[in-house]
Amino acid sequence: EEFKTLKNEGNDFVKKGKYEEAVNKYSECMNLNDKECTLYTNRALCYLKLYKYEEAKQDCDHVLQIEDSNIKAFYRRALAYKGLQVRQKNMAGI
């Protein structure tokens, strides 16, 4: 029950664009149930919005270890890799 409430609060924060708060809610949920893949893909989305590509990639990697055909995880991991590549190019140009 608490799990559902936290997850819904996290989803509401995402809808409002409050990604830091959403990350915190999803992380709290994971303390209650770390087997729920949607928590990781949702948190990965938040990390992408916050330009935390490494964290997003780690969450997606975790999901793909459990569920190797999770489309959201593949897609968001690709976005994370893209973000990391852009960041490396920008740093190389400095």
N, C-alpha and C. Protein backbone atom coordinates (compact mmCIF):
# COMPACT_ATOMS: atom_id res chain seq x y z
N GLU A 1 0.83 -1.21 0.00
CA GLU A 1 0.00 0.00 0.00
C GLU A 1 0.87 1.26 0.00
N GLU A 2 1.82 1.29 0.91
CA GLU A 2 2.76 2.43 0.96
C GLU A 2 3.52 2.51 -0.35
N PHE A 3 3.88 1.34 -0.88
CA PHE A 3 4.60 1.26 -2.15
C PHE A 3 3.82 1.96 -3.26
N LYS A 4 2.53 1.62 -3.37
CA LYS A 4 1.66 2.20 -4.39
C LYS A 4 1.58 3.72 -4.26
N THR A 5 1.43 4.17 -3.02
CA THR A 5 1.34 5.61 -2.75
C THR A 5 2.60 6.33 -3.20
N LEU A 6 3.76 5.78 -2.81
CA LEU A 6 5.04 6.40 -3.19
C LEU A 6 5.22 6.43 -4.70
N LYS A 7 4.85 5.32 -5.35
CA LYS A 7 5.00 5.24 -6.81
C LYS A 7 4.10 6.29 -7.48
N ASN A 8 2.86 6.41 -7.01
CA ASN A 8 1.95 7.40 -7.58
C ASN A 8 2.44 8.82 -7.34
N GLU A 9 3.00 9.06 -6.16
CA GLU A 9 3.57 10.39 -5.87
C GLU A 9 4.73 10.67 -6.83
N GLY A 10 5.55 9.67 -7.06
CA GLY A 10 6.66 9.82 -8.01
C GLY A 10 6.15 10.15 -9.40
N ASN A 11 5.12 9.43 -9.84
CA ASN A 11 4.53 9.67 -11.16
C ASN A 11 3.96 11.08 -11.26
N ASP A 12 3.32 11.54 -10.18
CA ASP A 12 2.76 12.90 -10.17
C ASP A 12 3.87 13.94 -10.30
N PHE A 13 4.99 13.72 -9.59
CA PHE A 13 6.12 14.64 -9.69
C PHE A 13 6.64 14.70 -11.13
N VAL A 14 6.70 13.55 -11.79
CA VAL A 14 7.17 13.52 -13.18
C VAL A 14 6.27 14.38 -14.05
N LYS A 15 4.96 14.21 -13.88
CA LYS A 15 3.99 14.99 -14.67
C LYS A 15 4.16 16.49 -14.46
N LYS A 16 4.59 16.87 -13.27
CA LYS A 16 4.79 18.29 -12.95
C LYS A 16 6.20 18.77 -13.31
N GLY A 17 7.03 17.85 -13.80
CA GLY A 17 8.40 18.22 -14.16
C GLY A 17 9.33 18.34 -12.97
N LYS A 18 8.94 17.78 -11.82
CA LYS A 18 9.77 17.82 -10.61
C LYS A 18 10.55 16.51 -10.52
N TYR A 19 11.62 16.44 -11.30
CA TYR A 19 12.33 15.17 -11.49
C TYR A 19 13.14 14.75 -10.28
N GLU A 20 13.74 15.73 -9.58
CA GLU A 20 14.52 15.39 -8.37
C GLU A 20 13.60 14.73 -7.34
N GLU A 21 12.43 15.32 -7.14
CA GLU A 21 11.47 14.78 -6.17
C GLU A 21 11.01 13.39 -6.58
N ALA A 22 10.78 13.22 -7.89
CA ALA A 22 10.35 11.92 -8.40
C ALA A 22 11.42 10.86 -8.16
N VAL A 23 12.68 11.21 -8.40
CA VAL A 23 13.79 10.27 -8.15
C VAL A 23 13.75 9.81 -6.69
N ASN A 24 13.54 10.75 -5.78
CA ASN A 24 13.49 10.41 -4.35
C ASN A 24 12.36 9.44 -4.05
N LYS A 25 11.18 9.68 -4.64
CA LYS A 25 10.02 8.80 -4.40
C LYS A 25 10.29 7.40 -4.96
N TYR A 26 10.82 7.33 -6.18
CA TYR A 26 11.10 6.02 -6.78
C TYR A 26 12.16 5.27 -5.98
N SER A 27 13.13 6.01 -5.48
CA SER A 27 14.17 5.38 -4.66
C SER A 27 13.59 4.83 -3.36
N GLU A 28 12.65 5.58 -2.75
CA GLU A 28 11.98 5.08 -1.56
C GLU A 28 11.20 3.80 -1.87
N CYS A 29 10.54 3.79 -3.01
CA CYS A 29 9.80 2.60 -3.45
C CYS A 29 10.72 1.39 -3.56
N MET A 30 11.91 1.62 -4.08
CA MET A 30 12.86 0.53 -4.28
C MET A 30 13.29 -0.09 -2.95
N ASN A 31 13.26 0.71 -1.90
CA ASN A 31 13.57 0.16 -0.57
C ASN A 31 12.50 -0.85 -0.15
N LEU A 32 11.28 -0.66 -0.64
CA LEU A 32 10.18 -1.56 -0.31
C LEU A 32 10.11 -2.76 -1.25
N ASN A 33 10.43 -2.51 -2.53
CA ASN A 33 10.38 -3.58 -3.54
C ASN A 33 11.36 -3.26 -4.66
N ASP A 34 12.51 -3.91 -4.65
CA ASP A 34 13.53 -3.61 -5.66
C ASP A 34 13.42 -4.49 -6.91
N LYS A 35 12.32 -5.24 -7.02
CA LYS A 35 12.14 -6.13 -8.17
C LYS A 35 11.24 -5.50 -9.25
N GLU A 36 10.66 -4.36 -8.94
CA GLU A 36 9.71 -3.70 -9.84
C GLU A 36 10.46 -2.92 -10.92
N CYS A 37 10.45 -3.43 -12.14
CA CYS A 37 11.23 -2.83 -13.23
C CYS A 37 10.77 -1.42 -13.60
N THR A 38 9.46 -1.17 -13.51
CA THR A 38 8.98 0.16 -13.91
C THR A 38 9.58 1.27 -13.05
N LEU A 39 9.90 0.96 -11.80
CA LEU A 39 10.53 1.98 -10.95
C LEU A 39 11.86 2.42 -11.54
N TYR A 40 12.61 1.44 -12.03
CA TYR A 40 13.94 1.75 -12.58
C TYR A 40 13.83 2.50 -13.90
N THR A 41 12.88 2.09 -14.76
CA THR A 41 12.75 2.81 -16.04
C THR A 41 12.20 4.22 -15.81
N ASN A 42 11.31 4.36 -14.82
CA ASN A 42 10.78 5.69 -14.50
C ASN A 42 11.88 6.58 -13.93
N ARG A 43 12.69 6.00 -13.03
CA ARG A 43 13.77 6.79 -12.45
C ARG A 43 14.81 7.14 -13.51
N ALA A 44 15.03 6.21 -14.44
CA ALA A 44 15.97 6.49 -15.54
C ALA A 44 15.49 7.69 -16.35
N LEU A 45 14.18 7.76 -16.60
CA LEU A 45 13.63 8.90 -17.32
C LEU A 45 13.95 10.20 -16.59
N CYS A 46 13.77 10.19 -15.27
CA CYS A 46 14.07 11.38 -14.47
C CYS A 46 15.54 11.75 -14.57
N TYR A 47 16.40 10.74 -14.47
CA TYR A 47 17.84 11.00 -14.57
C TYR A 47 18.19 11.61 -15.93
N LEU A 48 17.55 11.13 -16.99
CA LEU A 48 17.79 11.69 -18.32
C LEU A 48 17.41 13.17 -18.34
N LYS A 49 16.27 13.49 -17.75
CA LYS A 49 15.80 14.89 -17.71
C LYS A 49 16.75 15.76 -16.89
N LEU A 50 17.44 15.14 -15.93
CA LEU A 50 18.37 15.88 -15.07
C LEU A 50 19.82 15.82 -15.60
N TYR A 51 19.98 15.26 -16.79
CA TYR A 51 21.30 15.11 -17.43
C TYR A 51 22.25 14.23 -16.62
N LYS A 52 21.67 13.29 -15.87
CA LYS A 52 22.49 12.33 -15.10
C LYS A 52 22.50 11.03 -15.89
N TYR A 53 23.28 11.04 -16.95
CA TYR A 53 23.25 9.94 -17.92
C TYR A 53 23.80 8.64 -17.36
N GLU A 54 24.85 8.73 -16.56
CA GLU A 54 25.46 7.52 -16.00
C GLU A 54 24.46 6.80 -15.09
N GLU A 55 23.75 7.56 -14.26
CA GLU A 55 22.76 6.97 -13.37
C GLU A 55 21.62 6.34 -14.18
N ALA A 56 21.20 7.03 -15.23
CA ALA A 56 20.13 6.51 -16.08
C ALA A 56 20.55 5.19 -16.71
N LYS A 57 21.79 5.15 -17.20
CA LYS A 57 22.31 3.93 -17.82
C LYS A 57 22.34 2.78 -16.81
N GLN A 58 22.77 3.06 -15.59
CA GLN A 58 22.84 2.01 -14.56
C GLN A 58 21.45 1.44 -14.25
N ASP A 59 20.44 2.32 -14.16
CA ASP A 59 19.08 1.84 -13.90
C ASP A 59 18.60 0.96 -15.04
N CYS A 60 18.87 1.37 -16.27
CA CYS A 60 18.45 0.58 -17.44
C CYS A 60 19.20 -0.75 -17.49
N ASP A 61 20.48 -0.72 -17.20
CA ASP A 61 21.26 -1.97 -17.16
C ASP A 61 20.65 -2.94 -16.14
N HIS A 62 20.26 -2.41 -15.00
CA HIS A 62 19.67 -3.23 -13.95
C HIS A 62 18.38 -3.90 -14.45
N VAL A 63 17.52 -3.14 -15.10
CA VAL A 63 16.26 -3.68 -15.63
C VAL A 63 16.55 -4.77 -16.65
N LEU A 64 17.50 -4.53 -17.53
CA LEU A 64 17.79 -5.48 -18.61
C LEU A 64 18.41 -6.77 -18.08
N GLN A 65 19.00 -6.74 -16.91
CA GLN A 65 19.49 -7.98 -16.29
C GLN A 65 18.32 -8.84 -15.84
N ILE A 66 17.24 -8.18 -15.41
CA ILE A 66 16.06 -8.90 -14.93
C ILE A 66 15.15 -9.27 -16.10
N GLU A 67 14.94 -8.30 -16.98
CA GLU A 67 13.97 -8.42 -18.07
C GLU A 67 14.67 -8.02 -19.37
N ASP A 68 15.26 -8.97 -20.04
CA ASP A 68 16.15 -8.63 -21.16
C ASP A 68 15.44 -8.16 -22.43
N SER A 69 14.12 -8.03 -22.39
CA SER A 69 13.41 -7.54 -23.56
C SER A 69 12.61 -6.28 -23.24
N ASN A 70 12.98 -5.58 -22.18
CA ASN A 70 12.25 -4.38 -21.77
C ASN A 70 12.58 -3.23 -22.73
N ILE A 71 11.59 -2.86 -23.54
CA ILE A 71 11.80 -1.85 -24.58
C ILE A 71 12.14 -0.49 -24.00
N LYS A 72 11.44 -0.09 -22.95
CA LYS A 72 11.72 1.22 -22.32
C LYS A 72 13.15 1.28 -21.84
N ALA A 73 13.62 0.20 -21.25
CA ALA A 73 14.99 0.18 -20.72
C ALA A 73 16.00 0.31 -21.86
N PHE A 74 15.76 -0.40 -22.97
CA PHE A 74 16.65 -0.29 -24.13
C PHE A 74 16.66 1.14 -24.66
N TYR A 75 15.48 1.71 -24.81
CA TYR A 75 15.35 3.04 -25.39
C TYR A 75 16.03 4.09 -24.49
N ARG A 76 15.74 4.02 -23.20
CA ARG A 76 16.30 5.03 -22.30
C ARG A 76 17.80 4.84 -22.11
N ARG A 77 18.26 3.59 -22.20
CA ARG A 77 19.70 3.37 -22.12
C ARG A 77 20.39 3.98 -23.34
N ALA A 78 19.75 3.85 -24.50
CA ALA A 78 20.30 4.45 -25.72
C ALA A 78 20.39 5.97 -25.57
N LEU A 79 19.35 6.57 -25.00
CA LEU A 79 19.37 8.02 -24.77
C LEU A 79 20.50 8.40 -23.80
N ALA A 80 20.71 7.56 -22.79
CA ALA A 80 21.77 7.82 -21.82
C ALA A 80 23.14 7.75 -22.50
N TYR A 81 23.33 6.73 -23.34
CA TYR A 81 24.60 6.63 -24.08
C TYR A 81 24.81 7.85 -24.96
N LYS A 82 23.75 8.28 -25.62
CA LYS A 82 23.84 9.45 -26.49
C LYS A 82 24.25 10.68 -25.68
N GLY A 83 23.62 10.84 -24.52
CA GLY A 83 23.96 11.96 -23.65
C GLY A 83 25.40 11.92 -23.19
N LEU A 84 25.87 10.74 -22.85
CA LEU A 84 27.27 10.58 -22.42
C LEU A 84 28.23 10.92 -23.56
N GLN A 85 27.88 10.50 -24.78
CA GLN A 85 28.73 10.78 -25.94
C GLN A 85 28.81 12.28 -26.22
N VAL A 86 27.67 12.95 -26.15
CA VAL A 86 27.63 14.40 -26.37
C VAL A 86 28.48 15.11 -25.33
N ARG A 87 28.34 14.65 -24.08
CA ARG A 87 29.12 15.27 -22.99
C ARG A 87 30.62 15.08 -23.24
N GLN A 88 31.02 13.88 -23.67
CA GLN A 88 32.45 13.63 -23.94
C GLN A 88 32.96 14.52 -25.05
N LYS A 89 32.16 14.68 -26.11
CA LYS A 89 32.56 15.55 -27.23
C LYS A 89 32.72 16.98 -26.76
N ASN A 90 31.76 17.44 -25.95
CA ASN A 90 31.82 18.81 -25.44
C ASN A 90 33.06 19.02 -24.58
N MET A 91 33.39 18.03 -23.76
CA MET A 91 34.56 18.15 -22.89
C MET A 91 35.85 18.10 -23.71
N ALA A 92 35.84 17.34 -24.78
CA ALA A 92 37.03 17.26 -25.63
C ALA A 92 37.26 18.58 -26.34
N GLY A 93 36.18 19.30 -26.61
CA GLY A 93 36.28 20.56 -27.33
C GLY A 93 36.71 21.72 -26.47
N ILE A 94 36.72 21.52 -25.16
CA ILE A 94 37.06 22.64 -24.25
C ILE A 94 38.56 22.86 -24.22
